[in-house]
Amino acid sequence: MSTPSRGLPPRIYLFFVVPFAVAFLGVMGYLVYVGFGSGGSVFGAASAGAGQTAQQRVEGGPPAAVMLQYEALERRVAQHPNDDVALTQLGDLELAASRFREAIPYYERALAVNPHNVAAQTGLAEARDGLRESH
């Protein structure tokens, strides 16, 4: 004698799971779009014309949190010029803003202090590639 199965038939689950999945993915996609934007960087939108500084690209400039981090790293490097981690992080901020020319000296200084800094090696290679591609 067979025992009755518990729960709903599998086809009924489709009516619950599919709309939930579509709604969930739609909301997540929207949040990712809003969170990351559609074409910007940590220093502002990418829609500005050539020759404009990052400050001019977005009214009000870069987000306050980014500027605070940038300024803190600059103070740290001023106090400790051989801090390869801070130099690499400054290069990373410039690289994230697609400011390749500005990122390269930070990575080079970090590597002069610590030639084994893999993050600086990688960042320098990415900045040089980005600079080549932008010309």
N, C-alpha and C. Protein backbone atom coordinates (compact mmCIF):
# COMPACT_ATOMS: atom_id res chain seq x y z
N MET A 1 0.83 -1.16 0.00
CA MET A 1 0.00 0.00 0.00
C MET A 1 0.89 1.24 0.00
N SER A 2 0.60 2.19 -0.83
CA SER A 2 1.42 3.39 -0.94
C SER A 2 0.94 4.45 0.05
N THR A 3 1.91 5.25 0.49
CA THR A 3 1.55 6.32 1.42
C THR A 3 1.32 7.61 0.64
N PRO A 4 0.37 8.38 1.06
CA PRO A 4 0.12 9.64 0.33
C PRO A 4 1.30 10.60 0.50
N SER A 5 1.57 11.35 -0.55
CA SER A 5 2.67 12.32 -0.49
C SER A 5 2.17 13.59 0.20
N ARG A 6 3.10 14.27 0.81
CA ARG A 6 2.76 15.50 1.50
C ARG A 6 3.13 16.69 0.64
N GLY A 7 2.47 17.81 0.82
CA GLY A 7 2.79 19.03 0.11
C GLY A 7 2.00 19.17 -1.17
N LEU A 8 2.32 20.22 -1.87
CA LEU A 8 1.63 20.53 -3.13
C LEU A 8 2.29 19.78 -4.28
N PRO A 9 1.52 19.55 -5.33
CA PRO A 9 2.12 18.93 -6.52
C PRO A 9 3.21 19.84 -7.09
N PRO A 10 4.24 19.27 -7.70
CA PRO A 10 5.35 20.07 -8.21
C PRO A 10 4.94 21.18 -9.17
N ARG A 11 3.92 20.95 -10.00
CA ARG A 11 3.51 21.99 -10.95
C ARG A 11 2.96 23.22 -10.23
N ILE A 12 2.38 23.06 -9.09
CA ILE A 12 1.82 24.19 -8.36
C ILE A 12 2.94 25.10 -7.85
N TYR A 13 4.08 24.51 -7.50
CA TYR A 13 5.19 25.30 -7.01
C TYR A 13 5.65 26.32 -8.06
N LEU A 14 5.54 25.97 -9.33
CA LEU A 14 5.96 26.89 -10.38
C LEU A 14 5.21 28.21 -10.30
N PHE A 15 3.95 28.17 -9.92
CA PHE A 15 3.17 29.39 -9.83
C PHE A 15 3.63 30.28 -8.68
N PHE A 16 4.32 29.69 -7.72
CA PHE A 16 4.84 30.47 -6.60
C PHE A 16 6.30 30.83 -6.78
N VAL A 17 7.09 29.91 -7.25
CA VAL A 17 8.53 30.10 -7.34
C VAL A 17 8.92 31.05 -8.47
N VAL A 18 8.37 30.86 -9.66
CA VAL A 18 8.78 31.67 -10.81
C VAL A 18 8.49 33.16 -10.59
N PRO A 19 7.28 33.57 -10.22
CA PRO A 19 7.07 35.01 -9.99
C PRO A 19 7.96 35.57 -8.87
N PHE A 20 8.15 34.78 -7.82
CA PHE A 20 9.02 35.24 -6.74
C PHE A 20 10.45 35.42 -7.25
N ALA A 21 10.95 34.47 -8.03
CA ALA A 21 12.32 34.55 -8.55
C ALA A 21 12.47 35.74 -9.48
N VAL A 22 11.49 35.97 -10.36
CA VAL A 22 11.56 37.11 -11.28
C VAL A 22 11.55 38.42 -10.50
N ALA A 23 10.68 38.53 -9.52
CA ALA A 23 10.62 39.75 -8.71
C ALA A 23 11.92 39.95 -7.94
N PHE A 24 12.43 38.89 -7.34
CA PHE A 24 13.67 38.98 -6.57
C PHE A 24 14.83 39.41 -7.46
N LEU A 25 14.98 38.79 -8.62
CA LEU A 25 16.08 39.14 -9.52
C LEU A 25 15.93 40.56 -10.05
N GLY A 26 14.70 40.97 -10.31
CA GLY A 26 14.47 42.34 -10.76
C GLY A 26 14.87 43.36 -9.72
N VAL A 27 14.49 43.13 -8.48
CA VAL A 27 14.85 44.04 -7.39
C VAL A 27 16.36 44.05 -7.20
N MET A 28 16.99 42.89 -7.21
CA MET A 28 18.44 42.84 -7.04
C MET A 28 19.16 43.56 -8.19
N GLY A 29 18.68 43.36 -9.40
CA GLY A 29 19.27 44.06 -10.54
C GLY A 29 19.16 45.56 -10.41
N TYR A 30 18.00 46.02 -9.95
CA TYR A 30 17.80 47.46 -9.76
C TYR A 30 18.75 47.98 -8.68
N LEU A 31 18.88 47.25 -7.58
CA LEU A 31 19.77 47.70 -6.51
C LEU A 31 21.22 47.74 -6.95
N VAL A 32 21.63 46.79 -7.74
CA VAL A 32 23.00 46.80 -8.27
C VAL A 32 23.18 48.00 -9.20
N TYR A 33 22.20 48.26 -10.05
CA TYR A 33 22.28 49.40 -10.97
C TYR A 33 22.37 50.71 -10.18
N VAL A 34 21.54 50.87 -9.18
CA VAL A 34 21.54 52.09 -8.40
C VAL A 34 22.82 52.20 -7.59
N GLY A 35 23.27 51.09 -7.03
CA GLY A 35 24.46 51.12 -6.19
C GLY A 35 25.73 51.40 -6.95
N PHE A 36 25.87 50.83 -8.12
CA PHE A 36 27.10 50.99 -8.88
C PHE A 36 26.98 52.02 -9.99
N GLY A 37 25.78 52.44 -10.31
CA GLY A 37 25.62 53.40 -11.39
C GLY A 37 25.83 52.73 -12.73
N SER A 38 25.68 53.49 -13.77
CA SER A 38 25.79 52.90 -15.09
C SER A 38 27.04 53.33 -15.82
N GLY A 39 27.87 54.12 -15.23
CA GLY A 39 29.07 54.52 -15.93
C GLY A 39 29.83 55.58 -15.18
N GLY A 40 30.28 55.28 -14.02
CA GLY A 40 31.01 56.27 -13.27
C GLY A 40 32.18 55.64 -12.55
N SER A 41 32.70 56.38 -11.64
CA SER A 41 33.82 55.89 -10.87
C SER A 41 33.71 56.47 -9.47
N VAL A 42 34.68 56.19 -8.66
CA VAL A 42 34.66 56.71 -7.30
C VAL A 42 34.79 58.22 -7.27
N PHE A 43 35.30 58.81 -8.34
CA PHE A 43 35.47 60.26 -8.38
C PHE A 43 34.37 60.97 -9.15
N GLY A 44 33.37 60.24 -9.62
CA GLY A 44 32.26 60.90 -10.29
C GLY A 44 31.84 60.21 -11.56
N ALA A 45 30.89 60.81 -12.25
CA ALA A 45 30.31 60.22 -13.46
C ALA A 45 31.30 60.26 -14.61
N ALA A 46 31.13 59.34 -15.53
CA ALA A 46 32.02 59.26 -16.69
C ALA A 46 31.46 60.03 -17.87
N SER A 47 30.39 60.77 -17.68
CA SER A 47 29.74 61.42 -18.81
C SER A 47 30.29 62.81 -19.11
N ALA A 48 31.33 63.22 -18.43
CA ALA A 48 31.88 64.55 -18.64
C ALA A 48 32.75 64.57 -19.89
N GLY A 49 32.94 65.76 -20.40
CA GLY A 49 33.77 65.92 -21.58
C GLY A 49 35.25 65.80 -21.26
N ALA A 50 36.04 65.65 -22.30
CA ALA A 50 37.48 65.52 -22.13
C ALA A 50 38.04 66.82 -21.56
N GLY A 51 39.06 66.70 -20.78
CA GLY A 51 39.71 67.88 -20.24
C GLY A 51 39.13 68.35 -18.92
N GLN A 52 38.03 67.77 -18.50
CA GLN A 52 37.46 68.18 -17.23
C GLN A 52 38.08 67.38 -16.10
N THR A 53 38.23 68.02 -14.98
CA THR A 53 38.73 67.30 -13.82
C THR A 53 37.60 66.50 -13.22
N ALA A 54 37.96 65.57 -12.35
CA ALA A 54 36.94 64.76 -11.69
C ALA A 54 35.99 65.64 -10.89
N GLN A 55 36.52 66.69 -10.29
CA GLN A 55 35.68 67.59 -9.50
C GLN A 55 34.64 68.27 -10.38
N GLN A 56 34.96 68.57 -11.63
CA GLN A 56 34.05 69.24 -12.53
C GLN A 56 33.02 68.29 -13.14
N ARG A 57 33.28 67.01 -13.12
CA ARG A 57 32.39 66.05 -13.77
C ARG A 57 31.07 65.91 -13.05
N VAL A 58 31.12 65.97 -11.74
CA VAL A 58 29.92 65.77 -10.94
C VAL A 58 29.74 66.98 -10.06
N GLU A 59 28.56 67.54 -10.09
CA GLU A 59 28.31 68.69 -9.25
C GLU A 59 28.53 68.29 -7.80
N GLY A 60 29.36 69.02 -7.12
CA GLY A 60 29.67 68.68 -5.74
C GLY A 60 30.89 67.80 -5.61
N GLY A 61 31.41 67.27 -6.70
CA GLY A 61 32.62 66.47 -6.66
C GLY A 61 32.40 65.05 -6.22
N PRO A 62 33.48 64.37 -5.88
CA PRO A 62 33.40 62.98 -5.46
C PRO A 62 32.60 62.83 -4.17
N PRO A 63 32.11 61.64 -3.92
CA PRO A 63 31.40 61.41 -2.66
C PRO A 63 32.29 61.75 -1.47
N ALA A 64 31.67 62.24 -0.43
CA ALA A 64 32.42 62.68 0.75
C ALA A 64 33.26 61.56 1.35
N ALA A 65 32.71 60.35 1.38
CA ALA A 65 33.45 59.23 1.97
C ALA A 65 34.74 58.95 1.20
N VAL A 66 34.67 59.07 -0.11
CA VAL A 66 35.86 58.82 -0.95
C VAL A 66 36.90 59.91 -0.69
N MET A 67 36.44 61.15 -0.61
CA MET A 67 37.38 62.24 -0.37
C MET A 67 38.01 62.13 1.02
N LEU A 68 37.24 61.72 2.01
CA LEU A 68 37.81 61.54 3.34
C LEU A 68 38.88 60.45 3.34
N GLN A 69 38.61 59.36 2.65
CA GLN A 69 39.58 58.28 2.56
C GLN A 69 40.83 58.76 1.83
N TYR A 70 40.63 59.47 0.73
CA TYR A 70 41.75 59.97 -0.07
C TYR A 70 42.61 60.91 0.76
N GLU A 71 41.97 61.84 1.47
CA GLU A 71 42.71 62.80 2.28
C GLU A 71 43.43 62.12 3.45
N ALA A 72 42.80 61.13 4.04
CA ALA A 72 43.45 60.39 5.13
C ALA A 72 44.68 59.65 4.63
N LEU A 73 44.58 59.07 3.45
CA LEU A 73 45.73 58.37 2.88
C LEU A 73 46.85 59.34 2.54
N GLU A 74 46.49 60.52 2.03
CA GLU A 74 47.52 61.52 1.72
C GLU A 74 48.24 61.97 2.99
N ARG A 75 47.48 62.17 4.08
CA ARG A 75 48.11 62.54 5.36
C ARG A 75 49.02 61.42 5.86
N ARG A 76 48.57 60.20 5.70
CA ARG A 76 49.36 59.05 6.13
C ARG A 76 50.68 58.97 5.37
N VAL A 77 50.62 59.22 4.06
CA VAL A 77 51.83 59.19 3.24
C VAL A 77 52.74 60.37 3.59
N ALA A 78 52.14 61.52 3.90
CA ALA A 78 52.95 62.68 4.29
C ALA A 78 53.72 62.40 5.58
N GLN A 79 53.09 61.69 6.51
CA GLN A 79 53.73 61.36 7.77
C GLN A 79 54.69 60.18 7.64
N HIS A 80 54.35 59.24 6.75
CA HIS A 80 55.15 58.03 6.57
C HIS A 80 55.37 57.81 5.06
N PRO A 81 56.35 58.51 4.48
CA PRO A 81 56.56 58.45 3.02
C PRO A 81 56.87 57.05 2.49
N ASN A 82 57.31 56.16 3.36
CA ASN A 82 57.65 54.80 2.92
C ASN A 82 56.54 53.79 3.20
N ASP A 83 55.33 54.26 3.38
CA ASP A 83 54.18 53.38 3.64
C ASP A 83 53.66 52.87 2.30
N ASP A 84 54.16 51.71 1.88
CA ASP A 84 53.80 51.19 0.56
C ASP A 84 52.32 50.80 0.48
N VAL A 85 51.72 50.45 1.60
CA VAL A 85 50.30 50.09 1.59
C VAL A 85 49.45 51.32 1.29
N ALA A 86 49.73 52.45 1.96
CA ALA A 86 48.97 53.67 1.71
C ALA A 86 49.20 54.17 0.29
N LEU A 87 50.43 54.08 -0.20
CA LEU A 87 50.71 54.49 -1.58
C LEU A 87 49.93 53.63 -2.57
N THR A 88 49.86 52.34 -2.30
CA THR A 88 49.11 51.44 -3.17
C THR A 88 47.62 51.77 -3.12
N GLN A 89 47.11 52.07 -1.94
CA GLN A 89 45.70 52.41 -1.82
C GLN A 89 45.37 53.71 -2.55
N LEU A 90 46.26 54.69 -2.50
CA LEU A 90 46.05 55.92 -3.27
C LEU A 90 46.04 55.61 -4.76
N GLY A 91 46.96 54.76 -5.19
CA GLY A 91 46.97 54.34 -6.59
C GLY A 91 45.68 53.63 -6.97
N ASP A 92 45.18 52.80 -6.05
CA ASP A 92 43.93 52.09 -6.32
C ASP A 92 42.76 53.04 -6.50
N LEU A 93 42.71 54.10 -5.67
CA LEU A 93 41.63 55.09 -5.82
C LEU A 93 41.71 55.79 -7.17
N GLU A 94 42.91 56.16 -7.55
CA GLU A 94 43.09 56.80 -8.86
C GLU A 94 42.74 55.84 -9.99
N LEU A 95 43.15 54.60 -9.86
CA LEU A 95 42.85 53.59 -10.88
C LEU A 95 41.35 53.37 -11.00
N ALA A 96 40.65 53.32 -9.85
CA ALA A 96 39.20 53.13 -9.86
C ALA A 96 38.49 54.28 -10.56
N ALA A 97 39.12 55.44 -10.55
CA ALA A 97 38.54 56.61 -11.21
C ALA A 97 39.00 56.73 -12.67
N SER A 98 39.70 55.71 -13.15
CA SER A 98 40.26 55.71 -14.51
C SER A 98 41.23 56.87 -14.73
N ARG A 99 41.88 57.29 -13.65
CA ARG A 99 42.91 58.33 -13.74
C ARG A 99 44.26 57.63 -13.72
N PHE A 100 44.56 57.00 -14.85
CA PHE A 100 45.72 56.12 -14.96
C PHE A 100 47.03 56.86 -14.77
N ARG A 101 47.15 58.04 -15.39
CA ARG A 101 48.38 58.81 -15.31
C ARG A 101 48.69 59.20 -13.85
N GLU A 102 47.65 59.50 -13.07
CA GLU A 102 47.84 59.87 -11.67
C GLU A 102 48.14 58.65 -10.80
N ALA A 103 47.66 57.47 -11.19
CA ALA A 103 47.84 56.26 -10.40
C ALA A 103 49.27 55.72 -10.50
N ILE A 104 49.87 55.83 -11.66
CA ILE A 104 51.19 55.22 -11.91
C ILE A 104 52.25 55.67 -10.91
N PRO A 105 52.41 56.98 -10.62
CA PRO A 105 53.46 57.37 -9.66
C PRO A 105 53.26 56.77 -8.26
N TYR A 106 52.02 56.63 -7.83
CA TYR A 106 51.78 56.02 -6.51
C TYR A 106 52.26 54.57 -6.49
N TYR A 107 51.93 53.83 -7.55
CA TYR A 107 52.37 52.43 -7.60
C TYR A 107 53.88 52.34 -7.71
N GLU A 108 54.48 53.21 -8.49
CA GLU A 108 55.94 53.17 -8.64
C GLU A 108 56.63 53.48 -7.32
N ARG A 109 56.10 54.46 -6.57
CA ARG A 109 56.68 54.78 -5.26
C ARG A 109 56.53 53.60 -4.30
N ALA A 110 55.36 52.96 -4.34
CA ALA A 110 55.13 51.80 -3.46
C ALA A 110 56.11 50.68 -3.78
N LEU A 111 56.36 50.46 -5.07
CA LEU A 111 57.28 49.40 -5.48
C LEU A 111 58.74 49.75 -5.19
N ALA A 112 59.06 51.05 -5.17
CA ALA A 112 60.41 51.46 -4.81
C ALA A 112 60.67 51.13 -3.33
N VAL A 113 59.63 51.23 -2.51
CA VAL A 113 59.75 50.92 -1.09
C VAL A 113 59.74 49.40 -0.88
N ASN A 114 58.80 48.73 -1.56
CA ASN A 114 58.64 47.28 -1.38
C ASN A 114 58.43 46.63 -2.74
N PRO A 115 59.49 46.15 -3.37
CA PRO A 115 59.37 45.55 -4.70
C PRO A 115 58.51 44.28 -4.74
N HIS A 116 58.19 43.73 -3.59
CA HIS A 116 57.39 42.50 -3.54
C HIS A 116 55.90 42.77 -3.31
N ASN A 117 55.48 44.02 -3.35
CA ASN A 117 54.09 44.40 -3.14
C ASN A 117 53.28 43.99 -4.38
N VAL A 118 52.59 42.88 -4.27
CA VAL A 118 51.86 42.32 -5.41
C VAL A 118 50.72 43.23 -5.83
N ALA A 119 50.04 43.85 -4.87
CA ALA A 119 48.94 44.75 -5.21
C ALA A 119 49.43 45.94 -6.02
N ALA A 120 50.60 46.47 -5.66
CA ALA A 120 51.17 47.59 -6.41
C ALA A 120 51.62 47.13 -7.80
N GLN A 121 52.19 45.93 -7.89
CA GLN A 121 52.60 45.41 -9.20
C GLN A 121 51.39 45.27 -10.12
N THR A 122 50.32 44.71 -9.58
CA THR A 122 49.11 44.50 -10.37
C THR A 122 48.49 45.84 -10.76
N GLY A 123 48.39 46.75 -9.80
CA GLY A 123 47.82 48.07 -10.08
C GLY A 123 48.62 48.82 -11.13
N LEU A 124 49.93 48.75 -11.04
CA LEU A 124 50.78 49.43 -12.02
C LEU A 124 50.55 48.87 -13.42
N ALA A 125 50.46 47.56 -13.52
CA ALA A 125 50.21 46.94 -14.83
C ALA A 125 48.84 47.37 -15.37
N GLU A 126 47.82 47.40 -14.51
CA GLU A 126 46.48 47.81 -14.95
C GLU A 126 46.47 49.28 -15.36
N ALA A 127 47.16 50.13 -14.60
CA ALA A 127 47.20 51.55 -14.93
C ALA A 127 47.91 51.79 -16.26
N ARG A 128 49.01 51.10 -16.47
CA ARG A 128 49.72 51.25 -17.74
C ARG A 128 48.88 50.75 -18.91
N ASP A 129 48.19 49.63 -18.72
CA ASP A 129 47.29 49.13 -19.77
C ASP A 129 46.18 50.12 -20.05
N GLY A 130 45.59 50.65 -19.00
CA GLY A 130 44.52 51.63 -19.16
C GLY A 130 44.99 52.88 -19.87
N LEU A 131 46.21 53.31 -19.57
CA LEU A 131 46.77 54.50 -20.21
C LEU A 131 47.00 54.25 -21.69
N ARG A 132 47.50 53.06 -22.03
CA ARG A 132 47.71 52.70 -23.44
C ARG A 132 46.38 52.65 -24.20
N GLU A 133 45.36 52.06 -23.56
CA GLU A 133 44.06 51.92 -24.22
C GLU A 133 43.35 53.24 -24.39
N SER A 134 43.63 54.21 -23.51
CA SER A 134 42.93 55.49 -23.59
C SER A 134 43.53 56.41 -24.65
N HIS A 135 44.68 56.03 -25.19
CA HIS A 135 45.30 56.88 -26.24
C HIS A 135 45.09 56.30 -27.59
